[in-house]
């Protein structure tokens, strides 16, 4: 899938200029990469906001018209306001139709409800991954990759090497072995695994403040 979006060249830079843009209902951004110098851009906030509501927009080729000049690109970063539904900045990377690209693509899991391990064994599907890093030509980039669980029995897993990838698409994986993408587990086992995750110790940075010597001495005198 490919998307089309309009953008405009942005001449003014700096935080004050960006604030004025946001107040005017626009979003500052940048498009970089390739032999061309990075170009500061601005986009209509409502247009980019609605586009980002579609999952496919984040993993699809974007054909961007910048003041009438077409650029093929990928969304690389989105900065959101801390508590408002407001986009603060967007980054796009130029791509070339003749060169392979790397992109993370979401996984869509189907047929879990009819898997023998769920329908007959009373288990539940457990996902080991939710997205996949792939490489392919821009024209072959899928919006998502489907993972069919219909043949999995209780305790069985689907590994990365077993995925059916679209034509022209390869997986980029730098780890070791053949990781599990999804499996069918007992409901109690899944709950226990989730509980272990919740109960895992969290590192907390504690800052201690030394009390002034005079205050410490006063407390000692009172004793």
N, C-alpha and C. Protein backbone atom coordinates (compact mmCIF):
# COMPACT_ATOMS: atom_id res chain seq x y z
N UNK A 1 0.84 -1.19 0.00
CA UNK A 1 0.00 0.00 0.00
C UNK A 1 0.88 1.25 0.00
N UNK A 2 0.42 2.28 -0.71
CA UNK A 2 1.14 3.55 -0.74
C UNK A 2 0.17 4.69 -0.40
N UNK A 3 0.70 5.71 0.23
CA UNK A 3 -0.10 6.87 0.62
C UNK A 3 0.42 8.10 -0.11
N UNK A 4 -0.46 9.06 -0.30
CA UNK A 4 -0.07 10.35 -0.88
C UNK A 4 -0.40 11.46 0.11
N UNK A 5 0.52 12.39 0.27
CA UNK A 5 0.33 13.47 1.23
C UNK A 5 1.02 14.72 0.70
N UNK A 6 0.46 15.87 1.04
CA UNK A 6 1.03 17.15 0.61
C UNK A 6 1.83 17.78 1.74
N UNK A 7 2.95 18.39 1.41
CA UNK A 7 3.77 19.12 2.37
C UNK A 7 4.27 20.40 1.70
N UNK A 8 4.84 21.28 2.50
CA UNK A 8 5.30 22.57 1.99
C UNK A 8 6.68 22.87 2.57
N UNK A 9 7.51 23.53 1.78
CA UNK A 9 8.84 23.89 2.25
C UNK A 9 8.72 24.85 3.43
N UNK A 10 9.61 24.65 4.40
CA UNK A 10 9.62 25.50 5.60
C UNK A 10 10.94 26.24 5.63
N UNK A 11 10.85 27.55 5.62
CA UNK A 11 12.06 28.37 5.60
C UNK A 11 12.53 28.74 7.00
N UNK A 12 11.59 29.10 7.89
CA UNK A 12 11.95 29.54 9.24
C UNK A 12 12.19 28.34 10.14
N UNK A 13 13.24 28.40 10.95
CA UNK A 13 13.58 27.33 11.87
C UNK A 13 13.61 27.87 13.29
N UNK A 14 13.77 26.95 14.25
CA UNK A 14 13.83 27.35 15.64
C UNK A 14 12.54 27.06 16.38
N UNK A 15 12.63 27.03 17.71
CA UNK A 15 11.48 26.66 18.54
C UNK A 15 10.34 27.66 18.43
N UNK A 16 10.64 28.96 18.35
CA UNK A 16 9.58 29.97 18.28
C UNK A 16 8.82 29.85 16.95
N UNK A 17 9.55 29.59 15.86
CA UNK A 17 8.91 29.41 14.56
C UNK A 17 8.03 28.16 14.56
N UNK A 18 8.51 27.10 15.22
CA UNK A 18 7.72 25.87 15.30
C UNK A 18 6.46 26.06 16.12
N UNK A 19 6.55 26.84 17.19
CA UNK A 19 5.36 27.11 18.01
C UNK A 19 4.31 27.88 17.21
N UNK A 20 4.77 28.84 16.41
CA UNK A 20 3.82 29.60 15.58
C UNK A 20 3.14 28.69 14.57
N UNK A 21 3.90 27.75 14.01
CA UNK A 21 3.31 26.80 13.07
C UNK A 21 2.22 25.96 13.74
N UNK A 22 2.52 25.47 14.93
CA UNK A 22 1.56 24.62 15.63
C UNK A 22 0.30 25.39 15.98
N UNK A 23 0.47 26.65 16.38
CA UNK A 23 -0.71 27.47 16.68
C UNK A 23 -1.56 27.69 15.43
N UNK A 24 -0.93 27.66 14.28
CA UNK A 24 -1.64 27.85 13.01
C UNK A 24 -2.19 26.54 12.45
N UNK A 25 -2.08 25.45 13.22
CA UNK A 25 -2.63 24.17 12.78
C UNK A 25 -1.73 23.42 11.83
N UNK A 26 -0.42 23.68 11.92
CA UNK A 26 0.52 22.97 11.06
C UNK A 26 1.55 22.23 11.91
N UNK A 27 2.24 21.29 11.28
CA UNK A 27 3.23 20.47 11.97
C UNK A 27 4.59 20.64 11.30
N UNK A 28 5.62 21.03 12.05
CA UNK A 28 6.96 21.09 11.45
C UNK A 28 7.52 19.69 11.27
N UNK A 29 8.35 19.53 10.25
CA UNK A 29 8.95 18.24 9.99
C UNK A 29 10.20 18.37 9.15
N UNK A 30 10.76 17.23 8.79
CA UNK A 30 11.96 17.21 7.96
C UNK A 30 11.93 15.96 7.09
N UNK A 31 12.46 16.07 5.89
CA UNK A 31 12.67 14.90 5.03
C UNK A 31 14.16 14.87 4.69
N UNK A 32 14.79 13.72 4.89
CA UNK A 32 16.24 13.61 4.73
C UNK A 32 16.58 12.33 4.00
N UNK A 33 17.87 12.18 3.69
CA UNK A 33 18.35 10.96 3.04
C UNK A 33 18.55 11.13 1.55
N UNK A 34 19.33 10.21 0.96
CA UNK A 34 19.60 10.27 -0.46
C UNK A 34 20.62 11.35 -0.79
N UNK A 35 20.80 11.62 -2.06
CA UNK A 35 21.81 12.60 -2.49
C UNK A 35 21.39 14.06 -2.26
N UNK A 36 20.11 14.28 -1.98
CA UNK A 36 19.60 15.63 -1.79
C UNK A 36 19.75 16.07 -0.34
N UNK A 37 19.99 17.35 -0.13
CA UNK A 37 20.13 17.88 1.23
C UNK A 37 18.82 17.76 2.00
N UNK A 38 18.88 17.64 3.31
CA UNK A 38 17.64 17.60 4.11
C UNK A 38 16.79 18.84 3.85
N UNK A 39 15.48 18.65 3.83
CA UNK A 39 14.55 19.75 3.57
C UNK A 39 13.59 19.89 4.74
N UNK A 40 13.55 21.08 5.33
CA UNK A 40 12.58 21.36 6.37
C UNK A 40 11.21 21.51 5.72
N UNK A 41 10.19 20.88 6.31
CA UNK A 41 8.85 20.91 5.73
C UNK A 41 7.81 21.25 6.80
N UNK A 42 6.61 21.55 6.35
CA UNK A 42 5.47 21.69 7.24
C UNK A 42 4.28 21.02 6.60
N UNK A 43 3.39 20.46 7.44
CA UNK A 43 2.22 19.74 6.96
C UNK A 43 0.99 20.20 7.72
N UNK A 44 -0.18 20.02 7.12
CA UNK A 44 -1.43 20.31 7.81
C UNK A 44 -1.62 19.30 8.94
N UNK A 45 -1.86 19.79 10.16
CA UNK A 45 -1.95 18.90 11.31
C UNK A 45 -3.06 17.87 11.16
N UNK A 46 -4.24 18.29 10.75
CA UNK A 46 -5.35 17.34 10.64
C UNK A 46 -5.08 16.25 9.61
N UNK A 47 -4.39 16.61 8.54
CA UNK A 47 -4.09 15.64 7.49
C UNK A 47 -3.15 14.56 8.00
N UNK A 48 -2.03 14.97 8.62
CA UNK A 48 -1.06 14.00 9.11
C UNK A 48 -1.62 13.24 10.33
N UNK A 49 -2.45 13.91 11.13
CA UNK A 49 -3.05 13.25 12.30
C UNK A 49 -3.97 12.11 11.86
N UNK A 50 -4.81 12.37 10.85
CA UNK A 50 -5.71 11.33 10.36
C UNK A 50 -4.93 10.20 9.69
N UNK A 51 -3.84 10.55 8.99
CA UNK A 51 -3.01 9.52 8.35
C UNK A 51 -2.39 8.60 9.40
N UNK A 52 -1.95 9.16 10.51
CA UNK A 52 -1.29 8.38 11.55
C UNK A 52 -2.26 7.46 12.31
N UNK A 53 -3.54 7.73 12.18
CA UNK A 53 -4.53 6.86 12.82
C UNK A 53 -4.63 5.52 12.09
N UNK A 54 -4.11 5.47 10.87
CA UNK A 54 -4.11 4.24 10.08
C UNK A 54 -2.80 3.50 10.32
N UNK A 55 -2.88 2.30 10.81
CA UNK A 55 -1.68 1.52 11.12
C UNK A 55 -0.77 1.41 9.90
N UNK A 56 -1.36 1.23 8.73
CA UNK A 56 -0.57 1.00 7.52
C UNK A 56 0.31 2.19 7.16
N UNK A 57 -0.07 3.40 7.58
CA UNK A 57 0.71 4.58 7.22
C UNK A 57 2.12 4.51 7.77
N UNK A 58 2.28 3.89 8.92
CA UNK A 58 3.59 3.83 9.59
C UNK A 58 4.52 2.81 8.94
N UNK A 59 4.00 1.95 8.09
CA UNK A 59 4.85 0.92 7.47
C UNK A 59 4.66 0.87 5.97
N UNK A 60 4.24 1.98 5.37
CA UNK A 60 4.01 2.01 3.93
C UNK A 60 4.82 3.12 3.28
N UNK A 61 4.97 3.00 1.97
CA UNK A 61 5.65 4.05 1.20
C UNK A 61 4.73 5.26 1.12
N UNK A 62 5.31 6.44 1.37
CA UNK A 62 4.56 7.70 1.31
C UNK A 62 5.06 8.50 0.11
N UNK A 63 4.17 8.83 -0.79
CA UNK A 63 4.50 9.70 -1.91
C UNK A 63 4.14 11.13 -1.49
N UNK A 64 5.17 11.90 -1.18
CA UNK A 64 4.97 13.24 -0.65
C UNK A 64 5.20 14.30 -1.72
N UNK A 65 4.20 15.16 -1.90
CA UNK A 65 4.33 16.29 -2.82
C UNK A 65 4.74 17.52 -2.02
N UNK A 66 5.98 18.00 -2.27
CA UNK A 66 6.49 19.18 -1.57
C UNK A 66 6.49 20.35 -2.54
N UNK A 67 5.51 21.21 -2.40
CA UNK A 67 5.34 22.33 -3.34
C UNK A 67 5.35 21.84 -4.79
N UNK A 68 4.70 20.71 -5.02
CA UNK A 68 4.58 20.19 -6.38
C UNK A 68 5.64 19.20 -6.79
N UNK A 69 6.71 19.06 -6.01
CA UNK A 69 7.79 18.10 -6.32
C UNK A 69 7.55 16.80 -5.54
N UNK A 70 7.51 15.68 -6.24
CA UNK A 70 7.22 14.40 -5.59
C UNK A 70 8.48 13.78 -4.97
N UNK A 71 8.34 13.30 -3.76
CA UNK A 71 9.40 12.59 -3.05
C UNK A 71 8.82 11.28 -2.53
N UNK A 72 9.53 10.17 -2.75
CA UNK A 72 9.13 8.89 -2.18
C UNK A 72 9.85 8.72 -0.85
N UNK A 73 9.10 8.43 0.21
CA UNK A 73 9.73 8.40 1.53
C UNK A 73 9.01 7.43 2.46
N UNK A 74 9.62 7.26 3.65
CA UNK A 74 9.05 6.46 4.72
C UNK A 74 8.99 7.30 5.98
N UNK A 75 7.96 7.12 6.77
CA UNK A 75 7.87 7.78 8.07
C UNK A 75 8.89 7.15 9.00
N UNK A 76 9.70 7.98 9.65
CA UNK A 76 10.73 7.45 10.54
C UNK A 76 10.52 7.82 12.01
N UNK A 77 9.89 8.96 12.29
CA UNK A 77 9.72 9.34 13.70
C UNK A 77 8.57 10.31 13.83
N UNK A 78 7.86 10.19 14.95
CA UNK A 78 6.76 11.10 15.27
C UNK A 78 6.92 11.53 16.72
N UNK A 79 6.90 12.82 16.95
CA UNK A 79 6.96 13.34 18.32
C UNK A 79 5.59 13.90 18.67
N UNK A 80 5.01 13.37 19.76
CA UNK A 80 3.69 13.80 20.21
C UNK A 80 3.80 14.69 21.45
N UNK A 81 2.81 15.52 21.65
CA UNK A 81 2.72 16.32 22.88
C UNK A 81 2.54 15.39 24.06
N UNK A 82 3.02 15.80 25.22
CA UNK A 82 3.00 14.94 26.40
C UNK A 82 1.59 14.54 26.82
N UNK A 83 0.61 15.43 26.68
CA UNK A 83 -0.74 15.08 27.12
C UNK A 83 -1.84 15.54 26.17
N UNK A 84 -1.51 16.29 25.14
CA UNK A 84 -2.50 16.70 24.14
C UNK A 84 -2.45 15.77 22.93
N UNK A 85 -3.56 15.71 22.20
CA UNK A 85 -3.57 14.97 20.94
C UNK A 85 -3.01 15.87 19.85
N UNK A 86 -1.73 16.16 20.00
CA UNK A 86 -1.07 17.09 19.07
C UNK A 86 0.27 16.51 18.63
N UNK A 87 0.50 16.53 17.33
CA UNK A 87 1.78 16.09 16.77
C UNK A 87 2.73 17.28 16.80
N UNK A 88 3.91 17.09 17.37
CA UNK A 88 4.86 18.20 17.48
C UNK A 88 5.88 18.22 16.34
N UNK A 89 6.24 17.05 15.83
CA UNK A 89 7.26 17.01 14.77
C UNK A 89 7.22 15.65 14.09
N UNK A 90 7.53 15.60 12.80
CA UNK A 90 7.58 14.34 12.06
C UNK A 90 8.85 14.29 11.23
N UNK A 91 9.43 13.09 11.12
CA UNK A 91 10.62 12.87 10.30
C UNK A 91 10.29 11.85 9.21
N UNK A 92 10.73 12.16 7.99
CA UNK A 92 10.58 11.23 6.87
C UNK A 92 11.95 10.99 6.25
N UNK A 93 12.14 9.79 5.71
CA UNK A 93 13.39 9.46 5.02
C UNK A 93 13.10 9.18 3.55
N UNK A 94 13.87 9.84 2.68
CA UNK A 94 13.73 9.59 1.25
C UNK A 94 14.16 8.17 0.91
N UNK A 95 13.51 7.58 -0.07
CA UNK A 95 13.91 6.27 -0.54
C UNK A 95 13.95 6.28 -2.07
N UNK A 96 14.61 5.28 -2.61
CA UNK A 96 14.77 5.14 -4.06
C UNK A 96 14.05 3.87 -4.49
N UNK A 97 13.24 3.97 -5.53
CA UNK A 97 12.46 2.83 -5.99
C UNK A 97 13.32 1.65 -6.41
N UNK A 98 14.59 1.90 -6.73
CA UNK A 98 15.47 0.83 -7.22
C UNK A 98 16.36 0.23 -6.14
N UNK A 99 16.27 0.74 -4.92
CA UNK A 99 17.12 0.24 -3.84
C UNK A 99 16.27 -0.37 -2.72
N UNK A 100 16.77 -1.47 -2.15
CA UNK A 100 16.06 -2.14 -1.06
C UNK A 100 16.01 -1.25 0.17
N UNK A 101 14.95 -1.38 0.93
CA UNK A 101 14.76 -0.60 2.15
C UNK A 101 14.59 -1.55 3.34
N UNK A 102 14.82 -1.02 4.55
CA UNK A 102 14.54 -1.75 5.79
C UNK A 102 13.35 -1.06 6.46
N UNK A 103 12.41 -1.86 6.92
CA UNK A 103 11.24 -1.28 7.57
C UNK A 103 10.62 -2.28 8.53
N UNK A 104 10.11 -1.79 9.65
CA UNK A 104 9.38 -2.66 10.58
C UNK A 104 7.93 -2.74 10.12
N UNK A 105 7.42 -3.96 10.06
CA UNK A 105 6.06 -4.20 9.58
C UNK A 105 5.27 -4.93 10.67
N UNK A 106 4.05 -4.51 10.97
CA UNK A 106 3.25 -5.19 12.01
C UNK A 106 2.82 -6.58 11.58
N UNK A 107 2.63 -7.45 12.56
CA UNK A 107 2.12 -8.79 12.32
C UNK A 107 0.63 -8.83 12.66
N UNK A 108 -0.15 -9.44 11.78
CA UNK A 108 -1.58 -9.63 12.01
C UNK A 108 -1.84 -11.12 12.22
N UNK A 109 -2.31 -11.48 13.41
CA UNK A 109 -2.55 -12.88 13.75
C UNK A 109 -4.00 -13.26 13.45
N UNK A 110 -4.18 -14.35 12.71
CA UNK A 110 -5.53 -14.77 12.33
C UNK A 110 -5.77 -16.22 12.71
N UNK A 111 -7.06 -16.57 12.80
CA UNK A 111 -7.53 -17.94 13.02
C UNK A 111 -7.11 -18.55 14.34
N UNK A 112 -6.81 -17.73 15.34
CA UNK A 112 -6.46 -18.28 16.65
C UNK A 112 -7.65 -19.02 17.25
N UNK A 113 -8.86 -18.52 16.99
CA UNK A 113 -10.06 -19.11 17.61
C UNK A 113 -10.37 -20.51 17.08
N UNK A 114 -9.84 -20.86 15.88
CA UNK A 114 -10.12 -22.20 15.34
C UNK A 114 -8.91 -23.12 15.44
N UNK A 115 -7.83 -22.64 16.04
CA UNK A 115 -6.65 -23.50 16.24
C UNK A 115 -7.04 -24.65 17.17
N UNK A 116 -6.61 -25.89 16.87
CA UNK A 116 -6.97 -27.03 17.73
C UNK A 116 -6.62 -26.80 19.20
N UNK A 117 -5.49 -26.15 19.44
CA UNK A 117 -5.08 -25.92 20.82
C UNK A 117 -6.00 -24.98 21.58
N UNK A 118 -6.71 -24.14 20.85
CA UNK A 118 -7.67 -23.21 21.47
C UNK A 118 -9.07 -23.82 21.47
N UNK A 119 -9.52 -24.28 20.30
CA UNK A 119 -10.89 -24.77 20.16
C UNK A 119 -11.12 -26.07 20.91
N UNK A 120 -10.15 -26.98 20.87
CA UNK A 120 -10.30 -28.29 21.52
C UNK A 120 -9.57 -28.38 22.85
N UNK A 121 -8.43 -27.69 22.94
CA UNK A 121 -7.61 -27.82 24.16
C UNK A 121 -7.86 -26.75 25.20
N UNK A 122 -8.65 -25.74 24.84
CA UNK A 122 -8.96 -24.69 25.82
C UNK A 122 -7.80 -23.76 26.12
N UNK A 123 -6.81 -23.74 25.22
CA UNK A 123 -5.67 -22.85 25.44
C UNK A 123 -5.91 -21.46 24.88
N UNK A 124 -4.86 -20.69 24.82
CA UNK A 124 -4.95 -19.34 24.26
C UNK A 124 -3.69 -19.03 23.47
N UNK A 125 -3.82 -18.13 22.51
CA UNK A 125 -2.68 -17.75 21.68
C UNK A 125 -1.78 -16.80 22.45
N UNK A 126 -0.49 -17.03 22.30
CA UNK A 126 0.50 -16.15 22.94
C UNK A 126 1.44 -15.64 21.85
N UNK A 127 1.62 -14.32 21.79
CA UNK A 127 2.44 -13.70 20.74
C UNK A 127 3.84 -13.42 21.25
N UNK A 128 4.83 -13.95 20.56
CA UNK A 128 6.22 -13.67 20.92
C UNK A 128 6.76 -12.45 20.22
N UNK A 129 6.11 -12.03 19.14
CA UNK A 129 6.49 -10.84 18.37
C UNK A 129 5.22 -10.14 17.92
N UNK A 130 5.32 -8.83 17.74
CA UNK A 130 4.20 -8.06 17.21
C UNK A 130 4.56 -7.34 15.92
N UNK A 131 5.84 -7.30 15.59
CA UNK A 131 6.28 -6.68 14.35
C UNK A 131 7.54 -7.39 13.87
N UNK A 132 7.88 -7.14 12.61
CA UNK A 132 9.01 -7.81 12.00
C UNK A 132 9.81 -6.81 11.19
N UNK A 133 11.13 -6.90 11.29
CA UNK A 133 12.01 -6.04 10.49
C UNK A 133 12.26 -6.75 9.17
N UNK A 134 11.91 -6.11 8.06
CA UNK A 134 12.04 -6.74 6.75
C UNK A 134 12.85 -5.85 5.81
N UNK A 135 13.31 -6.45 4.73
CA UNK A 135 13.98 -5.71 3.67
C UNK A 135 13.36 -6.12 2.34
N UNK A 136 13.19 -5.13 1.45
CA UNK A 136 12.58 -5.38 0.15
C UNK A 136 12.66 -4.10 -0.68
N UNK A 137 12.28 -4.19 -1.92
CA UNK A 137 12.14 -2.99 -2.74
C UNK A 137 10.88 -2.25 -2.31
N UNK A 138 10.85 -0.93 -2.46
CA UNK A 138 9.66 -0.16 -2.05
C UNK A 138 8.35 -0.70 -2.61
N UNK A 139 8.36 -1.17 -3.85
CA UNK A 139 7.12 -1.66 -4.47
C UNK A 139 6.61 -2.94 -3.81
N UNK A 140 7.49 -3.68 -3.12
CA UNK A 140 7.11 -4.94 -2.49
C UNK A 140 6.79 -4.80 -1.00
N UNK A 141 6.91 -3.60 -0.45
CA UNK A 141 6.73 -3.42 1.00
C UNK A 141 5.29 -3.70 1.40
N UNK A 142 5.06 -4.69 2.28
CA UNK A 142 3.69 -4.99 2.72
C UNK A 142 3.28 -4.07 3.88
N UNK A 143 1.99 -3.79 3.98
CA UNK A 143 1.49 -2.99 5.10
C UNK A 143 1.50 -3.79 6.39
N UNK A 144 1.38 -5.11 6.26
CA UNK A 144 1.44 -6.03 7.40
C UNK A 144 1.77 -7.42 6.89
N UNK A 145 2.12 -8.29 7.81
CA UNK A 145 2.38 -9.70 7.46
C UNK A 145 1.42 -10.56 8.26
N UNK A 146 0.71 -11.43 7.57
CA UNK A 146 -0.30 -12.26 8.20
C UNK A 146 0.33 -13.51 8.80
N UNK A 147 -0.08 -13.83 10.01
CA UNK A 147 0.40 -15.04 10.71
C UNK A 147 -0.81 -15.92 11.00
N UNK A 148 -0.88 -17.06 10.32
CA UNK A 148 -2.03 -17.96 10.43
C UNK A 148 -1.77 -19.02 11.50
N UNK A 149 -2.63 -19.05 12.53
CA UNK A 149 -2.44 -19.96 13.65
C UNK A 149 -3.37 -21.18 13.59
N UNK A 150 -4.07 -21.39 12.50
CA UNK A 150 -5.14 -22.39 12.43
C UNK A 150 -4.67 -23.83 12.66
N UNK A 151 -3.40 -24.13 12.47
CA UNK A 151 -2.93 -25.52 12.59
C UNK A 151 -2.24 -25.81 13.92
N UNK A 152 -2.17 -24.84 14.80
CA UNK A 152 -1.40 -25.03 16.04
C UNK A 152 -2.21 -25.76 17.11
N UNK A 153 -1.59 -26.82 17.65
CA UNK A 153 -2.19 -27.54 18.78
C UNK A 153 -1.65 -26.99 20.10
N UNK A 154 -2.15 -27.56 21.20
CA UNK A 154 -1.69 -27.12 22.52
C UNK A 154 -0.19 -27.34 22.67
N UNK A 155 0.50 -26.31 23.09
CA UNK A 155 1.94 -26.40 23.31
C UNK A 155 2.78 -26.24 22.06
N UNK A 156 2.14 -26.06 20.91
CA UNK A 156 2.88 -25.91 19.66
C UNK A 156 3.17 -24.44 19.37
N UNK A 157 4.24 -24.20 18.63
CA UNK A 157 4.67 -22.83 18.33
C UNK A 157 4.93 -22.66 16.85
N UNK A 158 4.83 -21.44 16.41
CA UNK A 158 5.19 -21.07 15.04
C UNK A 158 6.45 -20.24 15.12
N UNK A 159 7.50 -20.68 14.43
CA UNK A 159 8.79 -20.01 14.50
C UNK A 159 8.98 -19.06 13.31
N UNK A 160 9.98 -18.21 13.45
CA UNK A 160 10.25 -17.19 12.45
C UNK A 160 10.47 -17.81 11.07
N UNK A 161 11.19 -18.93 11.03
CA UNK A 161 11.50 -19.56 9.74
C UNK A 161 10.26 -20.14 9.06
N UNK A 162 9.15 -20.29 9.80
CA UNK A 162 7.94 -20.88 9.25
C UNK A 162 6.96 -19.86 8.68
N UNK A 163 7.27 -18.60 8.84
CA UNK A 163 6.38 -17.56 8.33
C UNK A 163 6.34 -17.57 6.81
N UNK A 164 5.16 -17.33 6.25
CA UNK A 164 5.00 -17.18 4.81
C UNK A 164 5.09 -15.70 4.47
N UNK A 165 6.19 -15.33 3.85
CA UNK A 165 6.44 -13.92 3.54
C UNK A 165 5.96 -13.60 2.12
N UNK A 166 5.54 -12.36 1.89
CA UNK A 166 5.16 -11.96 0.53
C UNK A 166 6.36 -12.04 -0.41
N UNK A 167 6.09 -12.16 -1.68
CA UNK A 167 7.16 -12.24 -2.69
C UNK A 167 8.04 -11.01 -2.62
N UNK A 168 9.36 -11.25 -2.66
CA UNK A 168 10.32 -10.15 -2.66
C UNK A 168 10.68 -9.61 -1.29
N UNK A 169 10.11 -10.19 -0.23
CA UNK A 169 10.33 -9.70 1.13
C UNK A 169 11.19 -10.70 1.91
N UNK A 170 12.23 -10.20 2.59
CA UNK A 170 13.09 -11.03 3.42
C UNK A 170 13.12 -10.48 4.84
N UNK A 171 13.31 -11.39 5.80
CA UNK A 171 13.38 -10.99 7.20
C UNK A 171 14.79 -10.54 7.55
N UNK A 172 14.89 -9.49 8.34
CA UNK A 172 16.17 -9.05 8.89
C UNK A 172 16.17 -9.42 10.37
N UNK A 173 17.00 -10.39 10.74
CA UNK A 173 17.06 -10.82 12.14
C UNK A 173 18.51 -11.02 12.53
N UNK A 174 18.94 -10.32 13.59
CA UNK A 174 20.34 -10.35 13.99
C UNK A 174 20.58 -11.21 15.23
N UNK A 175 19.53 -11.82 15.75
CA UNK A 175 19.69 -12.65 16.94
C UNK A 175 20.14 -14.06 16.58
N UNK A 176 20.12 -14.94 17.57
CA UNK A 176 20.52 -16.33 17.37
C UNK A 176 19.30 -17.24 17.38
N UNK A 177 19.43 -18.38 16.71
CA UNK A 177 18.37 -19.38 16.73
C UNK A 177 17.20 -19.00 15.85
N UNK A 178 16.07 -19.64 16.13
CA UNK A 178 14.84 -19.45 15.36
C UNK A 178 13.74 -19.05 16.34
N UNK A 179 13.56 -17.76 16.59
CA UNK A 179 12.64 -17.32 17.66
C UNK A 179 11.18 -17.68 17.38
N UNK A 180 10.43 -17.80 18.47
CA UNK A 180 8.99 -18.09 18.39
C UNK A 180 8.23 -16.82 18.07
N UNK A 181 7.38 -16.91 17.06
CA UNK A 181 6.52 -15.78 16.69
C UNK A 181 5.21 -15.84 17.47
N UNK A 182 4.65 -17.04 17.58
CA UNK A 182 3.41 -17.23 18.32
C UNK A 182 3.27 -18.68 18.71
N UNK A 183 2.42 -18.95 19.69
CA UNK A 183 2.19 -20.32 20.13
C UNK A 183 0.88 -20.43 20.87
N UNK A 184 0.48 -21.66 21.17
CA UNK A 184 -0.73 -21.92 21.94
C UNK A 184 -0.30 -22.46 23.30
N UNK A 185 -0.72 -21.78 24.34
CA UNK A 185 -0.33 -22.17 25.70
C UNK A 185 -1.59 -22.34 26.56
N UNK A 186 -1.43 -23.05 27.69
CA UNK A 186 -2.53 -23.19 28.63
C UNK A 186 -2.86 -21.83 29.22
N UNK A 187 -4.11 -21.59 29.50
CA UNK A 187 -4.52 -20.28 30.01
C UNK A 187 -3.82 -19.98 31.33
N UNK A 188 -3.70 -20.98 32.21
CA UNK A 188 -3.01 -20.76 33.49
C UNK A 188 -1.55 -20.41 33.28
N UNK A 189 -0.91 -21.05 32.30
CA UNK A 189 0.51 -20.80 32.04
C UNK A 189 0.70 -19.38 31.50
N UNK A 190 -0.23 -18.94 30.66
CA UNK A 190 -0.13 -17.59 30.12
C UNK A 190 -0.30 -16.56 31.22
N UNK A 191 -1.25 -16.85 32.15
CA UNK A 191 -1.48 -15.92 33.26
C UNK A 191 -0.26 -15.85 34.17
N UNK A 192 0.36 -17.03 34.42
CA UNK A 192 1.54 -17.05 35.27
C UNK A 192 2.69 -16.28 34.64
N UNK A 193 2.84 -16.44 33.32
CA UNK A 193 3.91 -15.72 32.62
C UNK A 193 3.69 -14.22 32.69
N UNK A 194 2.42 -13.81 32.56
CA UNK A 194 2.11 -12.38 32.64
C UNK A 194 2.37 -11.85 34.03
N UNK A 195 2.04 -12.66 35.05
CA UNK A 195 2.26 -12.25 36.43
C UNK A 195 3.75 -12.09 36.72
N UNK A 196 4.57 -12.99 36.17
CA UNK A 196 6.01 -12.89 36.36
C UNK A 196 6.54 -11.60 35.76
N UNK A 197 5.99 -11.23 34.60
CA UNK A 197 6.41 -9.99 33.95
C UNK A 197 6.06 -8.78 34.80
N UNK A 198 4.83 -8.79 35.36
CA UNK A 198 4.38 -7.67 36.19
C UNK A 198 5.20 -7.59 37.47
N UNK A 199 5.55 -8.77 38.03
CA UNK A 199 6.27 -8.80 39.30
C UNK A 199 7.76 -8.61 39.16
N UNK A 200 8.26 -8.51 37.94
CA UNK A 200 9.70 -8.35 37.74
C UNK A 200 10.18 -7.09 38.41
N UNK A 201 11.33 -7.13 39.09
CA UNK A 201 11.82 -5.96 39.80
C UNK A 201 12.13 -4.82 38.83
N UNK A 202 11.77 -3.63 39.25
CA UNK A 202 12.01 -2.44 38.44
C UNK A 202 13.10 -1.61 39.10
N UNK A 203 14.11 -1.26 38.32
CA UNK A 203 15.20 -0.45 38.86
C UNK A 203 14.70 0.97 39.06
N UNK A 204 14.89 1.48 40.24
CA UNK A 204 14.45 2.84 40.56
C UNK A 204 15.63 3.63 41.06
N UNK A 205 15.78 4.81 40.52
CA UNK A 205 16.88 5.67 40.97
C UNK A 205 16.40 6.48 42.16
N UNK A 206 17.09 6.34 43.26
CA UNK A 206 16.71 7.06 44.48
C UNK A 206 17.74 8.13 44.75
N UNK A 207 17.25 9.33 44.96
CA UNK A 207 18.13 10.45 45.26
C UNK A 207 17.99 10.80 46.72
N UNK A 208 19.08 10.78 47.43
CA UNK A 208 19.05 11.14 48.85
C UNK A 208 19.62 12.53 49.01
N UNK A 209 19.04 13.26 49.91
CA UNK A 209 19.47 14.63 50.14
C UNK A 209 20.05 14.74 51.53
N UNK A 210 21.27 15.23 51.65
CA UNK A 210 21.92 15.40 52.95
C UNK A 210 21.31 16.59 53.66
N UNK A 211 20.98 16.41 54.94
CA UNK A 211 20.46 17.52 55.71
C UNK A 211 21.62 18.40 56.17
N UNK A 212 21.39 19.68 56.29
CA UNK A 212 22.45 20.57 56.76
C UNK A 212 22.96 20.14 58.11
N UNK A 213 24.26 20.35 58.34
CA UNK A 213 24.90 19.93 59.59
C UNK A 213 24.23 20.56 60.80
N UNK A 214 23.81 21.83 60.66
CA UNK A 214 23.21 22.54 61.79
C UNK A 214 21.91 21.86 62.21
N UNK A 215 21.09 21.42 61.22
CA UNK A 215 19.82 20.76 61.53
C UNK A 215 20.08 19.44 62.23
N UNK A 216 21.14 18.71 61.78
CA UNK A 216 21.47 17.43 62.39
C UNK A 216 21.90 17.62 63.84
N UNK A 217 22.69 18.68 64.09
CA UNK A 217 23.17 18.95 65.44
C UNK A 217 22.00 19.31 66.36
N UNK A 218 21.01 20.09 65.85
CA UNK A 218 19.86 20.45 66.67
C UNK A 218 19.11 19.23 67.12
N UNK A 219 18.92 18.26 66.20
CA UNK A 219 18.21 17.04 66.55
C UNK A 219 18.99 16.24 67.59
N UNK A 220 20.32 16.26 67.48
CA UNK A 220 21.16 15.54 68.45
C UNK A 220 21.03 16.16 69.83
N UNK A 221 20.96 17.53 69.88
CA UNK A 221 20.85 18.22 71.16
C UNK A 221 19.53 17.90 71.85
N UNK A 222 18.44 17.79 71.04
CA UNK A 222 17.13 17.51 71.61
C UNK A 222 17.10 16.13 72.26
N UNK A 223 17.88 15.22 71.68
CA UNK A 223 17.96 13.87 72.28
C UNK A 223 18.68 13.92 73.62
